[in-house]
C-alpha atoms as a PDB file:
ATOM      1  CA  UNK A   1       8.752 -20.662   5.057  1.00  0.00           C
ATOM      2  CA  UNK A   2       5.664 -18.040   5.571  1.00  0.00           C
ATOM      3  CA  UNK A   3       1.952 -18.069   5.982  1.00  0.00           C
ATOM      4  CA  UNK A   4       1.015 -15.484   3.250  1.00  0.00           C
ATOM      5  CA  UNK A   5      -1.891 -12.921   4.074  1.00  0.00           C
ATOM      6  CA  UNK A   6      -2.906  -9.834   2.264  1.00  0.00           C
ATOM      7  CA  UNK A   7      -5.671  -7.516   3.381  1.00  0.00           C
ATOM      8  CA  UNK A   8      -7.162  -4.913   1.519  1.00  0.00           C
ATOM      9  CA  UNK A   9     -10.191  -3.009   0.436  1.00  0.00           C
ATOM     10  CA  UNK A  10     -12.196  -3.548  -2.940  1.00  0.00           C
ATOM     11  CA  UNK A  11      -9.315  -2.186  -5.112  1.00  0.00           C
ATOM     12  CA  UNK A  12      -7.793  -5.686  -4.617  1.00  0.00           C
ATOM     13  CA  UNK A  13     -11.078  -7.359  -5.776  1.00  0.00           C
ATOM     14  CA  UNK A  14     -10.529 -10.479  -8.048  1.00  0.00           C
ATOM     15  CA  UNK A  15      -7.067 -11.162  -6.605  1.00  0.00           C
ATOM     16  CA  UNK A  16      -7.805 -14.354  -5.674  1.00  0.00           C
ATOM     17  CA  UNK A  17      -9.166 -15.453  -8.903  1.00  0.00           C
ATOM     18  CA  UNK A  18      -5.845 -14.452 -10.462  1.00  0.00           C
ATOM     19  CA  UNK A  19      -2.938 -17.549 -11.761  1.00  0.00           C
ATOM     20  CA  UNK A  20      -1.724 -18.053  -8.041  1.00  0.00           C
ATOM     21  CA  UNK A  21       2.055 -18.620  -7.230  1.00  0.00           C
ATOM     22  CA  UNK A  22       3.047 -21.728  -6.005  1.00  0.00           C
ATOM     23  CA  UNK A  23       2.599 -20.797  -2.216  1.00  0.00           C
ATOM     24  CA  UNK A  24      -0.737 -20.201  -1.077  1.00  0.00           C
ATOM     25  CA  UNK A  25      -2.165 -16.752  -0.121  1.00  0.00           C
ATOM     26  CA  UNK A  26      -4.855 -15.881   2.308  1.00  0.00           C
ATOM     27  CA  UNK A  27      -6.768 -13.206   1.203  1.00  0.00           C
ATOM     28  CA  UNK A  28      -9.036 -10.638   3.441  1.00  0.00           C
ATOM     29  CA  UNK A  29     -10.591  -8.367   0.847  1.00  0.00           C
ATOM     30  CA  UNK A  30     -13.415  -6.287   2.301  1.00  0.00           C
ATOM     31  CA  UNK A  31     -15.435  -3.877   0.055  1.00  0.00           C
ATOM     32  CA  UNK A  32     -15.622  -0.026   1.296  1.00  0.00           C
ATOM     33  CA  UNK A  33     -13.591  -1.246   4.415  1.00  0.00           C
ATOM     34  CA  UNK A  34     -11.941   1.336   6.610  1.00  0.00           C
ATOM     35  CA  UNK A  35      -8.828   0.848   8.150  1.00  0.00           C
ATOM     36  CA  UNK A  36     -10.511  -0.036  11.796  1.00  0.00           C
ATOM     37  CA  UNK A  37     -12.785  -2.450  10.104  1.00  0.00           C
ATOM     38  CA  UNK A  38     -10.098  -4.366   8.074  1.00  0.00           C
ATOM     39  CA  UNK A  39      -7.789  -4.377  11.404  1.00  0.00           C
ATOM     40  CA  UNK A  40     -10.489  -5.948  13.391  1.00  0.00           C
ATOM     41  CA  UNK A  41     -11.160  -8.731  10.489  1.00  0.00           C
ATOM     42  CA  UNK A  42      -7.517  -9.479   9.926  1.00  0.00           C
ATOM     43  CA  UNK A  43      -7.206  -9.506  13.997  1.00  0.00           C
ATOM     44  CA  UNK A  44     -10.154 -12.214  14.017  1.00  0.00           C
ATOM     45  CA  UNK A  45      -8.687 -14.275  11.228  1.00  0.00           C
ATOM     46  CA  UNK A  46      -5.004 -14.342  12.570  1.00  0.00           C
ATOM     47  CA  UNK A  47      -6.260 -15.715  16.043  1.00  0.00           C
ATOM     48  CA  UNK A  48      -8.469 -18.269  14.607  1.00  0.00           C
ATOM     49  CA  UNK A  49      -6.604 -19.628  11.984  1.00  0.00           C
ATOM     50  CA  UNK A  50      -2.448 -19.037  12.849  1.00  0.00           C
ATOM     51  CA  UNK A  51      -0.728 -20.467  15.778  1.00  0.00           C
ATOM     52  CA  UNK A  52       1.365 -18.438  18.166  1.00  0.00           C
ATOM     53  CA  UNK A  53       4.956 -19.504  16.737  1.00  0.00           C
ATOM     54  CA  UNK A  54       3.949 -19.417  13.184  1.00  0.00           C
ATOM     55  CA  UNK A  55       5.798 -17.518  10.983  1.00  0.00           C
ATOM     56  CA  UNK A  56       3.563 -15.069   8.900  1.00  0.00           C
ATOM     57  CA  UNK A  57       4.239 -12.529   6.596  1.00  0.00           C
ATOM     58  CA  UNK A  58       1.309  -9.811   5.882  1.00  0.00           C
ATOM     59  CA  UNK A  59       0.735  -6.987   3.384  1.00  0.00           C
ATOM     60  CA  UNK A  60      -1.960  -4.388   3.782  1.00  0.00           C
ATOM     61  CA  UNK A  61      -3.348  -1.735   1.405  1.00  0.00           C
ATOM     62  CA  UNK A  62      -6.127   0.195   3.174  1.00  0.00           C
ATOM     63  CA  UNK A  63      -7.149   3.969   3.956  1.00  0.00           C
ATOM     64  CA  UNK A  64      -8.820   5.613   0.847  1.00  0.00           C
ATOM     65  CA  UNK A  65     -12.163   5.018   2.232  1.00  0.00           C
ATOM     66  CA  UNK A  66     -10.883   6.746   5.607  1.00  0.00           C
ATOM     67  CA  UNK A  67     -10.188   9.830   3.339  1.00  0.00           C
ATOM     68  CA  UNK A  68     -13.382   9.764   1.439  1.00  0.00           C
ATOM     69  CA  UNK A  69     -16.338  10.728   3.057  1.00  0.00           C
ATOM     70  CA  UNK A  70     -19.971   9.513   2.199  1.00  0.00           C
ATOM     71  CA  UNK A  71     -22.958  11.782   3.384  1.00  0.00           C
ATOM     72  CA  UNK A  72     -26.334  11.685   2.319  1.00  0.00           C
ATOM     73  CA  UNK A  73     -28.508  15.018   1.425  1.00  0.00           C
ATOM     74  CA  UNK A  74     -31.641  15.543  -0.503  1.00  0.00           C
ATOM     75  CA  UNK A  75     -30.188  14.517  -3.890  1.00  0.00           C
ATOM     76  CA  UNK A  76     -28.769  11.246  -2.540  1.00  0.00           C
ATOM     77  CA  UNK A  77     -25.315   9.954  -1.238  1.00  0.00           C
ATOM     78  CA  UNK A  78     -22.217  11.533  -2.034  1.00  0.00           C
ATOM     79  CA  UNK A  79     -18.352  11.168  -1.752  1.00  0.00           C
ATOM     80  CA  UNK A  80     -16.119  13.827  -0.991  1.00  0.00           C
ATOM     81  CA  UNK A  81     -12.750  14.172   1.028  1.00  0.00           C
ATOM     82  CA  UNK A  82     -13.102  13.689   4.720  1.00  0.00           C
ATOM     83  CA  UNK A  83     -11.730  15.825   7.573  1.00  0.00           C
ATOM     84  CA  UNK A  84      -9.162  12.878   8.597  1.00  0.00           C
ATOM     85  CA  UNK A  85      -5.568  14.231   8.285  1.00  0.00           C
ATOM     86  CA  UNK A  86      -2.744  12.463   7.521  1.00  0.00           C
ATOM     87  CA  UNK A  87      -1.211  12.000  10.599  1.00  0.00           C
ATOM     88  CA  UNK A  88      -4.344  10.217  11.938  1.00  0.00           C
ATOM     89  CA  UNK A  89      -4.789   8.178   9.125  1.00  0.00           C
ATOM     90  CA  UNK A  90      -1.063   7.122   9.674  1.00  0.00           C
ATOM     91  CA  UNK A  91      -1.514   6.609  13.346  1.00  0.00           C
ATOM     92  CA  UNK A  92      -4.692   4.101  12.632  1.00  0.00           C
ATOM     93  CA  UNK A  93      -2.278   2.309  10.319  1.00  0.00           C
ATOM     94  CA  UNK A  94       0.373   2.090  12.666  1.00  0.00           C
ATOM     95  CA  UNK A  95      -2.019   0.495  15.340  1.00  0.00           C
ATOM     96  CA  UNK A  96      -3.244  -1.955  12.600  1.00  0.00           C
ATOM     97  CA  UNK A  97       0.585  -3.080  12.457  1.00  0.00           C
ATOM     98  CA  UNK A  98       1.168  -2.904  16.407  1.00  0.00           C
ATOM     99  CA  UNK A  99      -2.144  -4.856  17.074  1.00  0.00           C
ATOM    100  CA  UNK A 100      -1.455  -7.820  15.057  1.00  0.00           C
ATOM    101  CA  UNK A 101       2.735  -8.301  16.046  1.00  0.00           C
ATOM    102  CA  UNK A 102       1.354  -7.994  19.495  1.00  0.00           C
ATOM    103  CA  UNK A 103      -0.273 -11.242  19.530  1.00  0.00           C
ATOM    104  CA  UNK A 104       1.686 -13.024  16.587  1.00  0.00           C
ATOM    105  CA  UNK A 105       5.570 -11.691  17.401  1.00  0.00           C
ATOM    106  CA  UNK A 106       6.632 -13.888  14.232  1.00  0.00           C
ATOM    107  CA  UNK A 107       5.541 -11.435  11.796  1.00  0.00           C
ATOM    108  CA  UNK A 108       6.775  -9.781   9.037  1.00  0.00           C
ATOM    109  CA  UNK A 109       4.181  -6.833   8.376  1.00  0.00           C
ATOM    110  CA  UNK A 110       4.694  -4.656   5.326  1.00  0.00           C
ATOM    111  CA  UNK A 111       2.543  -1.601   3.868  1.00  0.00           C
ATOM    112  CA  UNK A 112       1.265  -1.432   0.328  1.00  0.00           C
ATOM    113  CA  UNK A 113       1.399   2.512  -0.881  1.00  0.00           C
ATOM    114  CA  UNK A 114      -2.420   3.795  -1.489  1.00  0.00           C
ATOM    115  CA  UNK A 115      -3.008   4.386  -5.061  1.00  0.00           C
ATOM    116  CA  UNK A 116      -4.685   7.903  -5.466  1.00  0.00           C
ATOM    117  CA  UNK A 117      -7.991   8.626  -6.880  1.00  0.00           C
ATOM    118  CA  UNK A 118     -10.065  11.665  -8.884  1.00  0.00           C
ATOM    119  CA  UNK A 119     -13.024  13.360  -7.714  1.00  0.00           C
ATOM    120  CA  UNK A 120     -13.914  14.297 -11.044  1.00  0.00           C
ATOM    121  CA  UNK A 121     -13.521  10.657 -12.533  1.00  0.00           C
ATOM    122  CA  UNK A 122     -15.383   9.398  -9.969  1.00  0.00           C
ATOM    123  CA  UNK A 123     -18.122  12.104 -10.740  1.00  0.00           C
ATOM    124  CA  UNK A 124     -18.223  11.639 -14.036  1.00  0.00           C
ATOM    125  CA  UNK A 125     -18.484   7.769 -13.801  1.00  0.00           C
ATOM    126  CA  UNK A 126     -21.458   7.796 -10.975  1.00  0.00           C
ATOM    127  CA  UNK A 127     -23.353  10.682 -13.341  1.00  0.00           C
ATOM    128  CA  UNK A 128     -23.266   8.646 -16.055  1.00  0.00           C
ATOM    129  CA  UNK A 129     -24.297   5.472 -14.387  1.00  0.00           C
ATOM    130  CA  UNK A 130     -26.896   7.318 -11.997  1.00  0.00           C
ATOM    131  CA  UNK A 131     -24.862   6.347  -9.042  1.00  0.00           C
ATOM    132  CA  UNK A 132     -23.238   8.587  -6.429  1.00  0.00           C
ATOM    133  CA  UNK A 133     -23.370  12.439  -7.367  1.00  0.00           C
ATOM    134  CA  UNK A 134     -21.207  15.775  -6.876  1.00  0.00           C
ATOM    135  CA  UNK A 135     -24.015  17.751  -7.907  1.00  0.00           C
ATOM    136  CA  UNK A 136     -23.647  20.282  -5.113  1.00  0.00           C
ATOM    137  CA  UNK A 137     -20.010  21.055  -6.081  1.00  0.00           C
ATOM    138  CA  UNK A 138     -18.269  22.901  -8.736  1.00  0.00           C
ATOM    139  CA  UNK A 139     -15.323  22.493 -10.561  1.00  0.00           C
ATOM    140  CA  UNK A 140     -13.481  24.758  -8.710  1.00  0.00           C
ATOM    141  CA  UNK A 141     -14.732  23.316  -5.491  1.00  0.00           C
ATOM    142  CA  UNK A 142     -13.583  19.960  -7.057  1.00  0.00           C
ATOM    143  CA  UNK A 143     -10.168  21.124  -7.786  1.00  0.00           C
ATOM    144  CA  UNK A 144      -9.655  22.146  -4.144  1.00  0.00           C
ATOM    145  CA  UNK A 145     -10.689  18.870  -2.710  1.00  0.00           C
ATOM    146  CA  UNK A 146      -8.532  16.893  -4.946  1.00  0.00           C
ATOM    147  CA  UNK A 147      -5.578  18.934  -4.208  1.00  0.00           C
ATOM    148  CA  UNK A 148      -6.017  18.243  -0.344  1.00  0.00           C
ATOM    149  CA  UNK A 149      -6.763  14.495  -1.217  1.00  0.00           C
ATOM    150  CA  UNK A 150      -3.527  14.343  -3.141  1.00  0.00           C
ATOM    151  CA  UNK A 151      -1.487  16.110  -0.711  1.00  0.00           C
ATOM    152  CA  UNK A 152      -2.564  13.433   2.076  1.00  0.00           C
ATOM    153  CA  UNK A 153      -1.861  10.838  -0.086  1.00  0.00           C
ATOM    154  CA  UNK A 154       1.533  11.614  -0.686  1.00  0.00           C
ATOM    155  CA  UNK A 155       2.299  12.181   2.992  1.00  0.00           C
ATOM    156  CA  UNK A 156       0.886   8.768   3.982  1.00  0.00           C
ATOM    157  CA  UNK A 157       2.705   7.093   1.212  1.00  0.00           C
ATOM    158  CA  UNK A 158       5.917   8.655   2.316  1.00  0.00           C
ATOM    159  CA  UNK A 159       5.146   7.431   5.932  1.00  0.00           C
ATOM    160  CA  UNK A 160       4.401   3.669   5.040  1.00  0.00           C
ATOM    161  CA  UNK A 161       7.685   3.511   2.764  1.00  0.00           C
ATOM    162  CA  UNK A 162       9.764   4.788   5.683  1.00  0.00           C
ATOM    163  CA  UNK A 163       7.723   2.537   8.301  1.00  0.00           C
ATOM    164  CA  UNK A 164       8.501  -0.446   6.063  1.00  0.00           C
ATOM    165  CA  UNK A 165      12.141   0.536   5.883  1.00  0.00           C
ATOM    166  CA  UNK A 166      12.575   1.174   9.580  1.00  0.00           C
ATOM    167  CA  UNK A 167      10.707  -1.858  10.610  1.00  0.00           C
ATOM    168  CA  UNK A 168      12.147  -4.693  13.043  1.00  0.00           C
ATOM    169  CA  UNK A 169      11.036  -8.450  12.921  1.00  0.00           C
ATOM    170  CA  UNK A 170      12.723 -11.645  14.113  1.00  0.00           C
ATOM    171  CA  UNK A 171      14.096 -12.361  10.062  1.00  0.00           C
ATOM    172  CA  UNK A 172      16.814  -9.580   9.593  1.00  0.00           C
ATOM    173  CA  UNK A 173      15.221  -8.209   6.660  1.00  0.00           C
ATOM    174  CA  UNK A 174      12.881  -5.460   6.234  1.00  0.00           C
ATOM    175  CA  UNK A 175       9.393  -5.753   4.135  1.00  0.00           C
ATOM    176  CA  UNK A 176       9.727  -4.537   0.990  1.00  0.00           C
ATOM    177  CA  UNK A 177       7.643  -1.657   0.020  1.00  0.00           C
ATOM    178  CA  UNK A 178       4.822  -2.463  -3.055  1.00  0.00           C
ATOM    179  CA  UNK A 179       4.444   0.887  -4.829  1.00  0.00           C
ATOM    180  CA  UNK A 180       0.925   0.476  -6.144  1.00  0.00           C
ATOM    181  CA  UNK A 181       0.688   4.394  -6.493  1.00  0.00           C
ATOM    182  CA  UNK A 182       3.610   4.453  -8.965  1.00  0.00           C
ATOM    183  CA  UNK A 183       1.457   3.046 -11.569  1.00  0.00           C
ATOM    184  CA  UNK A 184      -0.930   5.971 -11.819  1.00  0.00           C
ATOM    185  CA  UNK A 185       2.184   8.707 -11.309  1.00  0.00           C
ATOM    186  CA  UNK A 186       4.550   9.762 -13.853  1.00  0.00           C
ATOM    187  CA  UNK A 187       7.196  12.281 -12.733  1.00  0.00           C
ATOM    188  CA  UNK A 188       9.519  13.759 -15.148  1.00  0.00           C
ATOM    189  CA  UNK A 189      11.692  16.924 -15.656  1.00  0.00           C
ATOM    190  CA  UNK A 190      10.804  19.962 -17.959  1.00  0.00           C
ATOM    191  CA  UNK A 191      13.194  22.398 -19.130  1.00  0.00           C
ATOM    192  CA  UNK A 192      12.131  26.218 -18.359  1.00  0.00           C
ATOM    193  CA  UNK A 193      13.633  29.624 -18.476  1.00  0.00           C
ATOM    194  CA  UNK A 194      14.519  31.810 -21.169  1.00  0.00           C
ATOM    195  CA  UNK A 195      17.144  29.636 -22.221  1.00  0.00           C
ATOM    196  CA  UNK A 196      15.770  26.343 -21.265  1.00  0.00           C
ATOM    197  CA  UNK A 197      18.585  25.933 -18.315  1.00  0.00           C
ATOM    198  CA  UNK A 198      16.107  25.599 -15.368  1.00  0.00           C
ATOM    199  CA  UNK A 199      14.581  22.196 -14.776  1.00  0.00           C
ATOM    200  CA  UNK A 200      11.214  21.608 -13.081  1.00  0.00           C
ATOM    201  CA  UNK A 201       9.985  18.609 -11.876  1.00  0.00           C
ATOM    202  CA  UNK A 202       6.278  17.697 -13.193  1.00  0.00           C
ATOM    203  CA  UNK A 203       3.846  15.203 -11.760  1.00  0.00           C
ATOM    204  CA  UNK A 204       0.933  14.156 -13.891  1.00  0.00           C
ATOM    205  CA  UNK A 205      -1.191  11.479 -12.920  1.00  0.00           C
ATOM    206  CA  UNK A 206      -3.061   8.584 -14.837  1.00  0.00           C
ATOM    207  CA  UNK A 207      -6.179   8.813 -13.596  1.00  0.00           C
ATOM    208  CA  UNK A 208      -7.543   6.893 -16.931  1.00  0.00           C
ATOM    209  CA  UNK A 209      -5.951   3.874 -15.627  1.00  0.00           C
ATOM    210  CA  UNK A 210      -9.003   3.860 -13.351  1.00  0.00           C
ATOM    211  CA  UNK A 211     -12.216   2.869 -14.741  1.00  0.00           C
ATOM    212  CA  UNK A 212     -14.518   4.645 -11.988  1.00  0.00           C
ATOM    213  CA  UNK A 213     -11.815   7.046 -10.906  1.00  0.00           C
ATOM    214  CA  UNK A 214     -11.248   4.610  -7.792  1.00  0.00           C
ATOM    215  CA  UNK A 215     -10.698   1.246  -9.266  1.00  0.00           C
ATOM    216  CA  UNK A 216      -8.073   0.309 -11.463  1.00  0.00           C
ATOM    217  CA  UNK A 217      -8.714  -1.389 -14.980  1.00  0.00           C
ATOM    218  CA  UNK A 218      -7.739  -5.094 -15.266  1.00  0.00           C
ATOM    219  CA  UNK A 219      -4.365  -4.544 -16.488  1.00  0.00           C
ATOM    220  CA  UNK A 220      -3.147  -2.336 -13.849  1.00  0.00           C
ATOM    221  CA  UNK A 221      -4.992  -4.656 -11.235  1.00  0.00           C
ATOM    222  CA  UNK A 222      -2.704  -7.665 -12.563  1.00  0.00           C
ATOM    223  CA  UNK A 223       0.472  -5.303 -12.602  1.00  0.00           C
ATOM    224  CA  UNK A 224      -0.299  -4.555  -8.811  1.00  0.00           C
ATOM    225  CA  UNK A 225      -1.016  -8.241  -8.355  1.00  0.00           C
ATOM    226  CA  UNK A 226       2.361  -9.247  -9.684  1.00  0.00           C
ATOM    227  CA  UNK A 227       4.231  -6.900  -7.760  1.00  0.00           C
ATOM    228  CA  UNK A 228       2.617  -8.012  -4.537  1.00  0.00           C
ATOM    229  CA  UNK A 229       3.632 -11.604  -5.224  1.00  0.00           C
ATOM    230  CA  UNK A 230       7.452 -10.447  -6.292  1.00  0.00           C
ATOM    231  CA  UNK A 231       7.517  -9.169  -3.139  1.00  0.00           C
ATOM    232  CA  UNK A 232       6.088 -11.846  -1.121  1.00  0.00           C
ATOM    233  CA  UNK A 233       8.439 -14.103  -2.865  1.00  0.00           C
ATOM    234  CA  UNK A 234      11.576 -11.893  -2.466  1.00  0.00           C
ATOM    235  CA  UNK A 235      10.747 -11.570   1.174  1.00  0.00           C
ATOM    236  CA  UNK A 236      10.839 -15.390   1.597  1.00  0.00           C
ATOM    237  CA  UNK A 237      14.094 -15.624  -0.120  1.00  0.00           C
ATOM    238  CA  UNK A 238      15.724 -12.996   1.936  1.00  0.00           C
ATOM    239  CA  UNK A 239      14.396 -14.669   5.293  1.00  0.00           C
ATOM    240  CA  UNK A 240      15.912 -17.921   4.102  1.00  0.00           C
ATOM    241  CA  UNK A 241      19.042 -16.288   3.113  1.00  0.00           C
ATOM    242  CA  UNK A 242      19.566 -14.602   6.103  1.00  0.00           C
ATOM    243  CA  UNK A 243      18.670 -17.507   8.521  1.00  0.00           C
ATOM    244  CA  UNK A 244      21.474 -18.771  10.721  1.00  0.00           C
ATOM    245  CA  UNK A 245      22.441 -22.519   9.978  1.00  0.00           C
ATOM    246  CA  UNK A 246      24.409 -22.994  13.232  1.00  0.00           C
ATOM    247  CA  UNK A 247      24.471 -21.487  16.736  1.00  0.00           C
ATOM    248  CA  UNK A 248      27.928 -19.773  15.467  1.00  0.00           C
ATOM    249  CA  UNK A 249      26.517 -18.456  12.186  1.00  0.00           C
ATOM    250  CA  UNK A 250      23.719 -17.026  14.402  1.00  0.00           C
ATOM    251  CA  UNK A 251      26.255 -15.139  16.820  1.00  0.00           C
ATOM    252  CA  UNK A 252      28.260 -13.871  13.759  1.00  0.00           C
ATOM    253  CA  UNK A 253      25.085 -12.688  11.688  1.00  0.00           C
ATOM    254  CA  UNK A 254      23.750 -10.609  14.986  1.00  0.00           C
ATOM    255  CA  UNK A 255      27.323  -8.726  14.828  1.00  0.00           C
ATOM    256  CA  UNK A 256      27.346  -8.283  11.209  1.00  0.00           C
ATOM    257  CA  UNK A 257      23.753  -7.023  11.299  1.00  0.00           C
ATOM    258  CA  UNK A 258      24.552  -4.511  13.773  1.00  0.00           C
ATOM    259  CA  UNK A 259      27.447  -3.401  12.012  1.00  0.00           C
ATOM    260  CA  UNK A 260      26.046  -3.020   8.670  1.00  0.00           C
ATOM    261  CA  UNK A 261      22.451  -3.644   8.638  1.00  0.00           C
ATOM    262  CA  UNK A 262      21.847  -0.257   6.778  1.00  0.00           C
ATOM    263  CA  UNK A 263      23.944  -1.122   4.336  1.00  0.00           C
ATOM    264  CA  UNK A 264      22.617  -4.263   3.517  1.00  0.00           C
ATOM    265  CA  UNK A 265      18.775  -2.975   3.613  1.00  0.00           C
ATOM    266  CA  UNK A 266      19.915  -0.565   1.032  1.00  0.00           C
ATOM    267  CA  UNK A 267      21.244  -2.966  -1.485  1.00  0.00           C
ATOM    268  CA  UNK A 268      18.669  -5.320  -0.921  1.00  0.00           C
ATOM    269  CA  UNK A 269      16.266  -2.193  -1.821  1.00  0.00           C
ATOM    270  CA  UNK A 270      18.286  -1.115  -4.987  1.00  0.00           C
ATOM    271  CA  UNK A 271      18.378  -4.975  -6.260  1.00  0.00           C
ATOM    272  CA  UNK A 272      14.581  -5.167  -6.012  1.00  0.00           C
ATOM    273  CA  UNK A 273      13.976  -1.619  -7.575  1.00  0.00           C
ATOM    274  CA  UNK A 274      15.935  -2.843 -10.614  1.00  0.00           C
ATOM    275  CA  UNK A 275      14.050  -6.210 -10.891  1.00  0.00           C
ATOM    276  CA  UNK A 276      10.772  -4.516 -10.194  1.00  0.00           C
ATOM    277  CA  UNK A 277      10.115  -0.703 -10.121  1.00  0.00           C
ATOM    278  CA  UNK A 278       6.979  -1.024  -8.413  1.00  0.00           C
ATOM    279  CA  UNK A 279       8.469  -2.733  -5.548  1.00  0.00           C
ATOM    280  CA  UNK A 280      10.685  -0.885  -2.950  1.00  0.00           C
END
C-alpha cells in the first residue's frame, strides 16, 4: 500500500537493526540532526527514490537538537537550551511537512512527539565520561533552564498532535500520533487539603530511562520502535478500509466523510489508544 519512510535524529539509532515488520521501511537517521538538516536529507531521498504517483507514508521525530544549543568556551563545548521559541520550531516542522507534500501529493505525513531530556542527567553523564560539561552553570540555573525546556516541549508536542489530527490527505484517514514522550512522563492525581478532598495533577519524569539524559535505554527504544510499527500498520489498514471499490462507492464515501468525518477520526483514535497507549 505505502512506501514507508522514518526520519529522525540519533534518538532512533539502531532502529534498522531491530526485527523488522513484513513491510519495508526506509530509515533516514542523522546524528545531531536539526530540523533543517533532516528536512533537506529527506527531500533529496524522496526526490531520488520515489515516483510522483507513489503512495508514501512518512513519520518524523526531530527537534530536540534545535532546542539544545552547543557553544564553545574556555572549558570546551557545552549544551544548554537555545533561544529558539516553540512557535519558531513548530513553524520549521510545518515547513518540513509542506515541502515534502508539495512534491509528493500522495503522502501521509505524521509527526512523532519529541521525548523530553534531563539537563542534570546530561551534565552528570558527560562529567563522568569527561565529555561535555556544564561547569559554568549552577543547579539553580539548570533548574530554570530545565523548566523552560519542558514548557517548550509541552507546547510543541501539543502542536504536533493537533497537526496530525487535522491533517488532510488523499487517503481519507489521519496520521496517527506516536506518543514517544509518554514513555518518559507519568501523570497522576494527588489528594490535597485538610480533608484530602481536593485533587491535584502531578507530573513526574522518568529520566532514569535515558542512559545519558538524552538517549533512551534499549528497552525504551524498543517500545518506541514497536509503537512506530504499530502506527504504520494501522494506517495501512485504515487506508485499505477507506479505499472505494467502485465509482459509486467513492461518491458515497465522500458524502459520508464530509458528514461524519470528525466522529470517524475520534473512533479510530480511541481504538488505537486502547490497543497501544503510545499511539494516538
